[in-house]
Amino acid sequence: MRVSITGRHCDVPKSVLDRTETHIGSLTKYEPRATAAEVIYTEEKRTCQVEVIVHIDGAPHVAAHGEGSDFRAALSSVLERVRRLLRDARSKRVDHKAPPLSESAPSE
């Protein structure tokens, strides 16, 4: 998955950038069709904000926003939201190529 990280009006520590790359890259286990992710770090006054947008082939993108006292806490909260959204979206997906239930039932 291609990950692009942007910092708006702030300097993001190298340790947080490395953590972001590893955790965002592991989101493919929740949605294998995910091709790219955008991570935007913003700092306003005393709050740090993180926004994650995951692009999925053939489906609408998934976006989440998180805040915290530092970037590490904000990243943790937004990652949990993205994981939940990806799990829910994948579970709602219907396999339209599966055979109808009437064909799979054994006939007597």
PDB file of N, CA and C in Angstrom:
ATOM      1  N   MET A   1       0.846  -1.166   0.000  1.00  0.00           N
ATOM      2  CA  MET A   1       0.000   0.000   0.000  1.00  0.00           C
ATOM      3  C   MET A   1       0.892   1.230   0.000  1.00  0.00           C
ATOM      4  N   ARG A   2       0.496   2.220  -0.787  1.00  0.00           N
ATOM      5  CA  ARG A   2       1.239   3.473  -0.860  1.00  0.00           C
ATOM      6  C   ARG A   2       0.749   4.395   0.259  1.00  0.00           C
ATOM      7  N   VAL A   3       1.652   4.893   1.072  1.00  0.00           N
ATOM      8  CA  VAL A   3       1.306   5.750   2.200  1.00  0.00           C
ATOM      9  C   VAL A   3       1.941   7.115   1.983  1.00  0.00           C
ATOM     10  N   SER A   4       1.125   8.175   1.997  1.00  0.00           N
ATOM     11  CA  SER A   4       1.663   9.534   1.914  1.00  0.00           C
ATOM     12  C   SER A   4       1.341  10.252   3.217  1.00  0.00           C
ATOM     13  N   ILE A   5       2.368  10.863   3.803  1.00  0.00           N
ATOM     14  CA  ILE A   5       2.234  11.527   5.096  1.00  0.00           C
ATOM     15  C   ILE A   5       2.505  13.007   4.907  1.00  0.00           C
ATOM     16  N   THR A   6       1.597  13.841   5.430  1.00  0.00           N
ATOM     17  CA  THR A   6       1.707  15.285   5.299  1.00  0.00           C
ATOM     18  C   THR A   6       1.604  15.918   6.679  1.00  0.00           C
ATOM     19  N   GLY A   7       2.431  16.893   6.947  1.00  0.00           N
ATOM     20  CA  GLY A   7       2.352  17.652   8.192  1.00  0.00           C
ATOM     21  C   GLY A   7       1.987  19.088   7.882  1.00  0.00           C
ATOM     22  N   ARG A   8       0.881  19.548   8.422  1.00  0.00           N
ATOM     23  CA  ARG A   8       0.436  20.924   8.187  1.00  0.00           C
ATOM     24  C   ARG A   8       0.751  21.774   9.408  1.00  0.00           C
ATOM     25  N   HIS A   9       1.576  22.756   9.227  1.00  0.00           N
ATOM     26  CA  HIS A   9       1.929  23.707  10.272  1.00  0.00           C
ATOM     27  C   HIS A   9       2.535  23.034  11.493  1.00  0.00           C
ATOM     28  N   CYS A  10       3.263  21.946  11.284  1.00  0.00           N
ATOM     29  CA  CYS A  10       3.870  21.256  12.416  1.00  0.00           C
ATOM     30  C   CYS A  10       5.050  20.405  11.933  1.00  0.00           C
ATOM     31  N   ASP A  11       5.882  20.021  12.875  1.00  0.00           N
ATOM     32  CA  ASP A  11       6.972  19.088  12.634  1.00  0.00           C
ATOM     33  C   ASP A  11       6.639  17.787  13.350  1.00  0.00           C
ATOM     34  N   VAL A  12       6.521  16.714  12.585  1.00  0.00           N
ATOM     35  CA  VAL A  12       6.171  15.414  13.149  1.00  0.00           C
ATOM     36  C   VAL A  12       7.468  14.666  13.446  1.00  0.00           C
ATOM     37  N   PRO A  13       7.639  14.128  14.667  1.00  0.00           N
ATOM     38  CA  PRO A  13       8.865  13.400  15.006  1.00  0.00           C
ATOM     39  C   PRO A  13       9.055  12.158  14.134  1.00  0.00           C
ATOM     40  N   LYS A  14      10.306  11.802  13.912  1.00  0.00           N
ATOM     41  CA  LYS A  14      10.655  10.652  13.069  1.00  0.00           C
ATOM     42  C   LYS A  14      10.060   9.360  13.622  1.00  0.00           C
ATOM     43  N   SER A  15      10.037   9.201  14.945  1.00  0.00           N
ATOM     44  CA  SER A  15       9.489   7.982  15.537  1.00  0.00           C
ATOM     45  C   SER A  15       7.999   7.830  15.217  1.00  0.00           C
ATOM     46  N   VAL A  16       7.270   8.931  15.199  1.00  0.00           N
ATOM     47  CA  VAL A  16       5.846   8.886  14.878  1.00  0.00           C
ATOM     48  C   VAL A  16       5.651   8.568  13.399  1.00  0.00           C
ATOM     49  N   LEU A  17       6.509   9.100  12.546  1.00  0.00           N
ATOM     50  CA  LEU A  17       6.416   8.804  11.111  1.00  0.00           C
ATOM     51  C   LEU A  17       6.649   7.320  10.838  1.00  0.00           C
ATOM     52  N   ASP A  18       7.646   6.743  11.500  1.00  0.00           N
ATOM     53  CA  ASP A  18       7.924   5.313  11.332  1.00  0.00           C
ATOM     54  C   ASP A  18       6.760   4.468  11.833  1.00  0.00           C
ATOM     55  N   ARG A  19       6.214   4.847  12.980  1.00  0.00           N
ATOM     56  CA  ARG A  19       5.067   4.120  13.542  1.00  0.00           C
ATOM     57  C   ARG A  19       3.863   4.221  12.610  1.00  0.00           C
ATOM     58  N   THR A  20       3.675   5.383  12.011  1.00  0.00           N
ATOM     59  CA  THR A  20       2.569   5.586  11.077  1.00  0.00           C
ATOM     60  C   THR A  20       2.700   4.653   9.883  1.00  0.00           C
ATOM     61  N   GLU A  21       3.893   4.581   9.297  1.00  0.00           N
ATOM     62  CA  GLU A  21       4.105   3.736   8.122  1.00  0.00           C
ATOM     63  C   GLU A  21       3.807   2.268   8.430  1.00  0.00           C
ATOM     64  N   THR A  22       4.263   1.780   9.573  1.00  0.00           N
ATOM     65  CA  THR A  22       4.060   0.367   9.889  1.00  0.00           C
ATOM     66  C   THR A  22       2.588   0.056  10.170  1.00  0.00           C
ATOM     67  N   HIS A  23       1.921   0.924  10.934  1.00  0.00           N
ATOM     68  CA  HIS A  23       0.528   0.650  11.294  1.00  0.00           C
ATOM     69  C   HIS A  23      -0.425   0.844  10.120  1.00  0.00           C
ATOM     70  N   ILE A  24      -0.190   1.840   9.305  1.00  0.00           N
ATOM     71  CA  ILE A  24      -1.049   2.054   8.136  1.00  0.00           C
ATOM     72  C   ILE A  24      -0.829   0.930   7.126  1.00  0.00           C
ATOM     73  N   GLY A  25       0.391   0.473   6.977  1.00  0.00           N
ATOM     74  CA  GLY A  25       0.672  -0.632   6.068  1.00  0.00           C
ATOM     75  C   GLY A  25       0.001  -1.923   6.488  1.00  0.00           C
ATOM     76  N   SER A  26      -0.232  -2.092   7.784  1.00  0.00           N
ATOM     77  CA  SER A  26      -0.860  -3.321   8.265  1.00  0.00           C
ATOM     78  C   SER A  26      -2.383  -3.305   8.104  1.00  0.00           C
ATOM     79  N   LEU A  27      -2.953  -2.217   7.628  1.00  0.00           N
ATOM     80  CA  LEU A  27      -4.406  -2.159   7.435  1.00  0.00           C
ATOM     81  C   LEU A  27      -4.873  -3.034   6.278  1.00  0.00           C
ATOM     82  N   THR A  28      -3.957  -3.525   5.463  1.00  0.00           N
ATOM     83  CA  THR A  28      -4.359  -4.376   4.341  1.00  0.00           C
ATOM     84  C   THR A  28      -4.923  -5.712   4.815  1.00  0.00           C
ATOM     85  N   LYS A  29      -4.670  -6.102   6.047  1.00  0.00           N
ATOM     86  CA  LYS A  29      -5.272  -7.344   6.531  1.00  0.00           C
ATOM     87  C   LYS A  29      -6.767  -7.163   6.792  1.00  0.00           C
ATOM     88  N   TYR A  30      -7.219  -5.928   6.995  1.00  0.00           N
ATOM     89  CA  TYR A  30      -8.646  -5.662   7.160  1.00  0.00           C
ATOM     90  C   TYR A  30      -9.340  -5.445   5.815  1.00  0.00           C
ATOM     91  N   GLU A  31      -8.621  -4.891   4.845  1.00  0.00           N
ATOM     92  CA  GLU A  31      -9.166  -4.664   3.507  1.00  0.00           C
ATOM     93  C   GLU A  31      -8.062  -4.890   2.489  1.00  0.00           C
ATOM     94  N   PRO A  32      -8.024  -6.081   1.857  1.00  0.00           N
ATOM     95  CA  PRO A  32      -6.938  -6.390   0.927  1.00  0.00           C
ATOM     96  C   PRO A  32      -6.930  -5.527  -0.329  1.00  0.00           C
ATOM     97  N   ARG A  33      -8.062  -4.916  -0.680  1.00  0.00           N
ATOM     98  CA  ARG A  33      -8.117  -4.086  -1.883  1.00  0.00           C
ATOM     99  C   ARG A  33      -7.651  -2.657  -1.649  1.00  0.00           C
ATOM    100  N   ALA A  34      -7.216  -2.320  -0.456  1.00  0.00           N
ATOM    101  CA  ALA A  34      -6.729  -0.971  -0.159  1.00  0.00           C
ATOM    102  C   ALA A  34      -5.431  -0.723  -0.929  1.00  0.00           C
ATOM    103  N   THR A  35      -5.392   0.370  -1.676  1.00  0.00           N
ATOM    104  CA  THR A  35      -4.236   0.650  -2.517  1.00  0.00           C
ATOM    105  C   THR A  35      -3.385   1.806  -2.014  1.00  0.00           C
ATOM    106  N   ALA A  36      -4.003   2.777  -1.373  1.00  0.00           N
ATOM    107  CA  ALA A  36      -3.254   3.955  -0.933  1.00  0.00           C
ATOM    108  C   ALA A  36      -3.876   4.522   0.330  1.00  0.00           C
ATOM    109  N   ALA A  37      -3.060   5.236   1.081  1.00  0.00           N
ATOM    110  CA  ALA A  37      -3.541   5.897   2.298  1.00  0.00           C
ATOM    111  C   ALA A  37      -2.881   7.264   2.411  1.00  0.00           C
ATOM    112  N   GLU A  38      -3.668   8.233   2.826  1.00  0.00           N
ATOM    113  CA  GLU A  38      -3.162   9.580   3.080  1.00  0.00           C
ATOM    114  C   GLU A  38      -3.290   9.853   4.571  1.00  0.00           C
ATOM    115  N   VAL A  39      -2.210  10.312   5.175  1.00  0.00           N
ATOM    116  CA  VAL A  39      -2.209  10.644   6.598  1.00  0.00           C
ATOM    117  C   VAL A  39      -1.826  12.108   6.714  1.00  0.00           C
ATOM    118  N   ILE A  40      -2.668  12.890   7.387  1.00  0.00           N
ATOM    119  CA  ILE A  40      -2.444  14.330   7.505  1.00  0.00           C
ATOM    120  C   ILE A  40      -2.353  14.682   8.986  1.00  0.00           C
ATOM    121  N   TYR A  41      -1.215  15.213   9.386  1.00  0.00           N
ATOM    122  CA  TYR A  41      -0.992  15.656  10.758  1.00  0.00           C
ATOM    123  C   TYR A  41      -1.184  17.170  10.820  1.00  0.00           C
ATOM    124  N   THR A  42      -1.938  17.624  11.828  1.00  0.00           N
ATOM    125  CA  THR A  42      -2.178  19.045  12.023  1.00  0.00           C
ATOM    126  C   THR A  42      -2.042  19.358  13.513  1.00  0.00           C
ATOM    127  N   GLU A  43      -1.445  20.510  13.801  1.00  0.00           N
ATOM    128  CA  GLU A  43      -1.322  20.934  15.195  1.00  0.00           C
ATOM    129  C   GLU A  43      -1.959  22.310  15.322  1.00  0.00           C
ATOM    130  N   GLU A  44      -2.969  22.400  16.187  1.00  0.00           N
ATOM    131  CA  GLU A  44      -3.650  23.666  16.433  1.00  0.00           C
ATOM    132  C   GLU A  44      -3.687  23.906  17.928  1.00  0.00           C
ATOM    133  N   LYS A  45      -3.131  24.997  18.321  1.00  0.00           N
ATOM    134  CA  LYS A  45      -3.037  25.357  19.733  1.00  0.00           C
ATOM    135  C   LYS A  45      -2.431  24.213  20.527  1.00  0.00           C
ATOM    136  N   ARG A  46      -3.194  23.554  21.386  1.00  0.00           N
ATOM    137  CA  ARG A  46      -2.626  22.482  22.225  1.00  0.00           C
ATOM    138  C   ARG A  46      -3.107  21.094  21.833  1.00  0.00           C
ATOM    139  N   THR A  47      -3.797  20.973  20.713  1.00  0.00           N
ATOM    140  CA  THR A  47      -4.279  19.660  20.290  1.00  0.00           C
ATOM    141  C   THR A  47      -3.593  19.236  19.000  1.00  0.00           C
ATOM    142  N   CYS A  48      -3.318  17.972  18.938  1.00  0.00           N
ATOM    143  CA  CYS A  48      -2.739  17.379  17.738  1.00  0.00           C
ATOM    144  C   CYS A  48      -3.830  16.561  17.065  1.00  0.00           C
ATOM    145  N   GLN A  49      -3.953  16.729  15.764  1.00  0.00           N
ATOM    146  CA  GLN A  49      -5.005  16.057  15.017  1.00  0.00           C
ATOM    147  C   GLN A  49      -4.391  15.218  13.912  1.00  0.00           C
ATOM    148  N   VAL A  50      -5.023  14.060  13.655  1.00  0.00           N
ATOM    149  CA  VAL A  50      -4.583  13.170  12.587  1.00  0.00           C
ATOM    150  C   VAL A  50      -5.807  12.782  11.779  1.00  0.00           C
ATOM    151  N   GLU A  51      -5.687  12.869  10.465  1.00  0.00           N
ATOM    152  CA  GLU A  51      -6.752  12.434   9.569  1.00  0.00           C
ATOM    153  C   GLU A  51      -6.180  11.371   8.646  1.00  0.00           C
ATOM    154  N   VAL A  52      -6.894  10.255   8.504  1.00  0.00           N
ATOM    155  CA  VAL A  52      -6.462   9.152   7.650  1.00  0.00           C
ATOM    156  C   VAL A  52      -7.541   8.892   6.611  1.00  0.00           C
ATOM    157  N   ILE A  53      -7.137   8.823   5.345  1.00  0.00           N
ATOM    158  CA  ILE A  53      -8.033   8.504   4.249  1.00  0.00           C
ATOM    159  C   ILE A  53      -7.455   7.288   3.540  1.00  0.00           C
ATOM    160  N   VAL A  54      -8.228   6.192   3.500  1.00  0.00           N
ATOM    161  CA  VAL A  54      -7.783   4.954   2.862  1.00  0.00           C
ATOM    162  C   VAL A  54      -8.564   4.793   1.562  1.00  0.00           C
ATOM    163  N   HIS A  55      -7.840   4.669   0.441  1.00  0.00           N
ATOM    164  CA  HIS A  55      -8.453   4.493  -0.873  1.00  0.00           C
ATOM    165  C   HIS A  55      -8.535   3.005  -1.182  1.00  0.00           C
ATOM    166  N   ILE A  56      -9.737   2.573  -1.590  1.00  0.00           N
ATOM    167  CA  ILE A  56     -10.002   1.160  -1.848  1.00  0.00           C
ATOM    168  C   ILE A  56     -10.461   1.010  -3.290  1.00  0.00           C
ATOM    169  N   ASP A  57      -9.899   0.021  -3.997  1.00  0.00           N
ATOM    170  CA  ASP A  57     -10.305  -0.235  -5.377  1.00  0.00           C
ATOM    171  C   ASP A  57     -11.754  -0.689  -5.438  1.00  0.00           C
ATOM    172  N   GLY A  58     -12.553  -0.023  -6.254  1.00  0.00           N
ATOM    173  CA  GLY A  58     -13.926  -0.435  -6.473  1.00  0.00           C
ATOM    174  C   GLY A  58     -14.873  -0.161  -5.324  1.00  0.00           C
ATOM    175  N   ALA A  59     -14.488   0.671  -4.392  1.00  0.00           N
ATOM    176  CA  ALA A  59     -15.338   0.985  -3.249  1.00  0.00           C
ATOM    177  C   ALA A  59     -15.069   2.424  -2.819  1.00  0.00           C
ATOM    178  N   PRO A  60     -16.000   3.015  -2.077  1.00  0.00           N
ATOM    179  CA  PRO A  60     -15.744   4.369  -1.579  1.00  0.00           C
ATOM    180  C   PRO A  60     -14.584   4.380  -0.588  1.00  0.00           C
ATOM    181  N   HIS A  61     -13.894   5.511  -0.512  1.00  0.00           N
ATOM    182  CA  HIS A  61     -12.775   5.599   0.423  1.00  0.00           C
ATOM    183  C   HIS A  61     -13.291   5.667   1.859  1.00  0.00           C
ATOM    184  N   VAL A  62     -12.404   5.338   2.789  1.00  0.00           N
ATOM    185  CA  VAL A  62     -12.722   5.342   4.217  1.00  0.00           C
ATOM    186  C   VAL A  62     -11.883   6.433   4.860  1.00  0.00           C
ATOM    187  N   ALA A  63     -12.539   7.315   5.612  1.00  0.00           N
ATOM    188  CA  ALA A  63     -11.834   8.422   6.249  1.00  0.00           C
ATOM    189  C   ALA A  63     -12.159   8.448   7.737  1.00  0.00           C
ATOM    190  N   ALA A  64     -11.156   8.818   8.538  1.00  0.00           N
ATOM    191  CA  ALA A  64     -11.354   8.940   9.985  1.00  0.00           C
ATOM    192  C   ALA A  64     -10.480  10.077  10.504  1.00  0.00           C
ATOM    193  N   HIS A  65     -10.881  10.636  11.621  1.00  0.00           N
ATOM    194  CA  HIS A  65     -10.206  11.775  12.216  1.00  0.00           C
ATOM    195  C   HIS A  65     -10.021  11.496  13.705  1.00  0.00           C
ATOM    196  N   GLY A  66      -8.853  11.832  14.225  1.00  0.00           N
ATOM    197  CA  GLY A  66      -8.592  11.622  15.646  1.00  0.00           C
ATOM    198  C   GLY A  66      -7.820  12.780  16.244  1.00  0.00           C
ATOM    199  N   GLU A  67      -8.026  13.007  17.534  1.00  0.00           N
ATOM    200  CA  GLU A  67      -7.327  14.075  18.249  1.00  0.00           C
ATOM    201  C   GLU A  67      -6.708  13.520  19.514  1.00  0.00           C
ATOM    202  N   GLY A  68      -5.681  14.218  19.976  1.00  0.00           N
ATOM    203  CA  GLY A  68      -5.039  13.823  21.213  1.00  0.00           C
ATOM    204  C   GLY A  68      -4.110  14.905  21.707  1.00  0.00           C
ATOM    205  N   SER A  69      -3.523  14.665  22.857  1.00  0.00           N
ATOM    206  CA  SER A  69      -2.604  15.650  23.422  1.00  0.00           C
ATOM    207  C   SER A  69      -1.262  15.646  22.696  1.00  0.00           C
ATOM    208  N   ASP A  70      -0.920  14.510  22.088  1.00  0.00           N
ATOM    209  CA  ASP A  70       0.275  14.427  21.256  1.00  0.00           C
ATOM    210  C   ASP A  70      -0.044  13.577  20.031  1.00  0.00           C
ATOM    211  N   PHE A  71       0.884  13.530  19.087  1.00  0.00           N
ATOM    212  CA  PHE A  71       0.633  12.836  17.832  1.00  0.00           C
ATOM    213  C   PHE A  71       0.477  11.329  18.022  1.00  0.00           C
ATOM    214  N   ARG A  72       1.179  10.771  18.983  1.00  0.00           N
ATOM    215  CA  ARG A  72       1.095   9.331  19.219  1.00  0.00           C
ATOM    216  C   ARG A  72      -0.310   8.942  19.697  1.00  0.00           C
ATOM    217  N   ALA A  73      -0.887   9.715  20.607  1.00  0.00           N
ATOM    218  CA  ALA A  73      -2.231   9.435  21.103  1.00  0.00           C
ATOM    219  C   ALA A  73      -3.273   9.644  20.004  1.00  0.00           C
ATOM    220  N   ALA A  74      -3.105  10.686  19.214  1.00  0.00           N
ATOM    221  CA  ALA A  74      -4.043  10.954  18.118  1.00  0.00           C
ATOM    222  C   ALA A  74      -3.978   9.841  17.078  1.00  0.00           C
ATOM    223  N   LEU A  75      -2.784   9.347  16.783  1.00  0.00           N
ATOM    224  CA  LEU A  75      -2.629   8.262  15.816  1.00  0.00           C
ATOM    225  C   LEU A  75      -3.290   6.986  16.331  1.00  0.00           C
ATOM    226  N   SER A  76      -3.143   6.691  17.602  1.00  0.00           N
ATOM    227  CA  SER A  76      -3.769   5.490  18.171  1.00  0.00           C
ATOM    228  C   SER A  76      -5.289   5.547  18.054  1.00  0.00           C
ATOM    229  N   SER A  77      -5.868   6.701  18.345  1.00  0.00           N
ATOM    230  CA  SER A  77      -7.325   6.809  18.284  1.00  0.00           C
ATOM    231  C   SER A  77      -7.840   6.711  16.855  1.00  0.00           C
ATOM    232  N   VAL A  78      -7.140   7.324  15.912  1.00  0.00           N
ATOM    233  CA  VAL A  78      -7.611   7.277  14.527  1.00  0.00           C
ATOM    234  C   VAL A  78      -7.403   5.892  13.927  1.00  0.00           C
ATOM    235  N   LEU A  79      -6.362   5.185  14.306  1.00  0.00           N
ATOM    236  CA  LEU A  79      -6.147   3.834  13.794  1.00  0.00           C
ATOM    237  C   LEU A  79      -7.247   2.885  14.250  1.00  0.00           C
ATOM    238  N   GLU A  80      -7.689   3.025  15.482  1.00  0.00           N
ATOM    239  CA  GLU A  80      -8.776   2.176  15.970  1.00  0.00           C
ATOM    240  C   GLU A  80     -10.057   2.443  15.186  1.00  0.00           C
ATOM    241  N   ARG A  81     -10.318   3.701  14.883  1.00  0.00           N
ATOM    242  CA  ARG A  81     -11.515   4.038  14.093  1.00  0.00           C
ATOM    243  C   ARG A  81     -11.422   3.483  12.677  1.00  0.00           C
ATOM    244  N   VAL A  82     -10.264   3.612  12.063  1.00  0.00           N
ATOM    245  CA  VAL A  82     -10.098   3.118  10.691  1.00  0.00           C
ATOM    246  C   VAL A  82     -10.248   1.603  10.658  1.00  0.00           C
ATOM    247  N   ARG A  83      -9.669   0.908  11.623  1.00  0.00           N
ATOM    248  CA  ARG A  83      -9.812  -0.556  11.675  1.00  0.00           C
ATOM    249  C   ARG A  83     -11.281  -0.957  11.787  1.00  0.00           C
ATOM    250  N   ARG A  84     -12.015  -0.278  12.655  1.00  0.00           N
ATOM    251  CA  ARG A  84     -13.432  -0.589  12.824  1.00  0.00           C
ATOM    252  C   ARG A  84     -14.206  -0.321  11.536  1.00  0.00           C
ATOM    253  N   LEU A  85     -13.944   0.801  10.888  1.00  0.00           N
ATOM    254  CA  LEU A  85     -14.643   1.132   9.647  1.00  0.00           C
ATOM    255  C   LEU A  85     -14.334   0.126   8.545  1.00  0.00           C
ATOM    256  N   LEU A  86     -13.082  -0.290   8.436  1.00  0.00           N
ATOM    257  CA  LEU A  86     -12.712  -1.258   7.405  1.00  0.00           C
ATOM    258  C   LEU A  86     -13.345  -2.626   7.674  1.00  0.00           C
ATOM    259  N   ARG A  87     -13.356  -3.057   8.930  1.00  0.00           N
ATOM    260  CA  ARG A  87     -13.999  -4.332   9.284  1.00  0.00           C
ATOM    261  C   ARG A  87     -15.486  -4.289   8.968  1.00  0.00           C
ATOM    262  N   ASP A  88     -16.155  -3.193   9.338  1.00  0.00           N
ATOM    263  CA  ASP A  88     -17.592  -3.082   9.088  1.00  0.00           C
ATOM    264  C   ASP A  88     -17.899  -3.054   7.596  1.00  0.00           C
ATOM    265  N   ALA A  89     -17.116  -2.307   6.834  1.00  0.00           N
ATOM    266  CA  ALA A  89     -17.358  -2.220   5.391  1.00  0.00           C
ATOM    267  C   ALA A  89     -17.140  -3.565   4.720  1.00  0.00           C
ATOM    268  N   ARG A  90     -16.149  -4.304   5.157  1.00  0.00           N
ATOM    269  CA  ARG A  90     -15.875  -5.601   4.544  1.00  0.00           C
ATOM    270  C   ARG A  90     -16.946  -6.626   4.918  1.00  0.00           C
ATOM    271  N   SER A  91     -17.454  -6.552   6.131  1.00  0.00           N
ATOM    272  CA  SER A  91     -18.480  -7.512   6.533  1.00  0.00           C
ATOM    273  C   SER A  91     -19.810  -7.233   5.834  1.00  0.00           C
ATOM    274  N   LYS A  92     -20.064  -5.997   5.448  1.00  0.00           N
ATOM    275  CA  LYS A  92     -21.305  -5.656   4.755  1.00  0.00           C
ATOM    276  C   LYS A  92     -21.260  -6.010   3.274  1.00  0.00           C
ATOM    277  N   ARG A  93     -20.078  -6.210   2.752  1.00  0.00           N
ATOM    278  CA  ARG A  93     -19.947  -6.516   1.334  1.00  0.00           C
ATOM    279  C   ARG A  93     -20.582  -7.872   1.039  1.00  0.00           C
ATOM    280  N   VAL A  94     -21.295  -7.947  -0.066  1.00  0.00           N
ATOM    281  CA  VAL A  94     -21.991  -9.167  -0.460  1.00  0.00           C
ATOM    282  C   VAL A  94     -21.279  -9.775  -1.649  1.00  0.00           C
ATOM    283  N   ASP A  95     -21.119 -11.094  -1.627  1.00  0.00           N
ATOM    284  CA  ASP A  95     -20.513 -11.795  -2.748  1.00  0.00           C
ATOM    285  C   ASP A  95     -21.613 -12.115  -3.753  1.00  0.00           C
ATOM    286  N   HIS A  96     -21.694 -11.320  -4.826  1.00  0.00           N
ATOM    287  CA  HIS A  96     -22.754 -11.492  -5.807  1.00  0.00           C
ATOM    288  C   HIS A  96     -22.490 -12.661  -6.753  1.00  0.00           C
ATOM    289  N   LYS A  97     -21.326 -13.230  -6.713  1.00  0.00           N
ATOM    290  CA  LYS A  97     -20.996 -14.347  -7.592  1.00  0.00           C
ATOM    291  C   LYS A  97     -21.241 -15.697  -6.920  1.00  0.00           C
ATOM    292  N   ALA A  98     -21.665 -15.675  -5.681  1.00  0.00           N
ATOM    293  CA  ALA A  98     -21.940 -16.924  -4.979  1.00  0.00           C
ATOM    294  C   ALA A  98     -23.222 -17.539  -5.553  1.00  0.00           C
ATOM    295  N   PRO A  99     -23.329 -18.868  -5.564  1.00  0.00           N
ATOM    296  CA  PRO A  99     -24.554 -19.486  -6.085  1.00  0.00           C
ATOM    297  C   PRO A  99     -25.744 -19.182  -5.182  1.00  0.00           C
ATOM    298  N   PRO A 100     -26.944 -19.131  -5.738  1.00  0.00           N
ATOM    299  CA  PRO A 100     -28.127 -18.882  -4.904  1.00  0.00           C
ATOM    300  C   PRO A 100     -28.296 -20.003  -3.883  1.00  0.00           C
ATOM    301  N   LEU A 101     -28.955 -19.693  -2.785  1.00  0.00           N
ATOM    302  CA  LEU A 101     -29.136 -20.660  -1.715  1.00  0.00           C
ATOM    303  C   LEU A 101     -29.953 -21.864  -2.179  1.00  0.00           C
ATOM    304  N   SER A 102     -30.844 -21.675  -3.132  1.00  0.00           N
ATOM    305  CA  SER A 102     -31.677 -22.793  -3.604  1.00  0.00           C
ATOM    306  C   SER A 102     -30.833 -23.843  -4.320  1.00  0.00           C
ATOM    307  N   GLU A 103     -29.723 -23.447  -4.951  1.00  0.00           N
ATOM    308  CA  GLU A 103     -28.868 -24.401  -5.636  1.00  0.00           C
ATOM    309  C   GLU A 103     -27.958 -25.161  -4.674  1.00  0.00           C
ATOM    310  N   SER A 104     -27.630 -24.549  -3.561  1.00  0.00           N
ATOM    311  CA  SER A 104     -26.706 -25.194  -2.626  1.00  0.00           C
ATOM    312  C   SER A 104     -27.412 -26.176  -1.693  1.00  0.00           C
ATOM    313  N   ALA A 105     -28.748 -26.120  -1.621  1.00  0.00           N
ATOM    314  CA  ALA A 105     -29.481 -27.038  -0.743  1.00  0.00           C
ATOM    315  C   ALA A 105     -29.536 -28.429  -1.395  1.00  0.00           C
ATOM    316  N   PRO A 106     -29.285 -29.492  -0.630  1.00  0.00           N
ATOM    317  CA  PRO A 106     -29.339 -30.843  -1.212  1.00  0.00           C
ATOM    318  C   PRO A 106     -30.775 -31.213  -1.589  1.00  0.00           C
ATOM    319  N   SER A 107     -30.915 -31.830  -2.727  1.00  0.00           N
ATOM    320  CA  SER A 107     -32.242 -32.241  -3.174  1.00  0.00           C
ATOM    321  C   SER A 107     -32.510 -33.688  -2.772  1.00  0.00           C
ATOM    322  N   GLU A 108     -33.745 -34.004  -2.481  1.00  0.00           N
ATOM    323  CA  GLU A 108     -34.082 -35.360  -2.032  1.00  0.00           C
ATOM    324  C   GLU A 108     -34.662 -36.184  -3.131  1.00  0.00           C
TER     325      GLU A 108
END
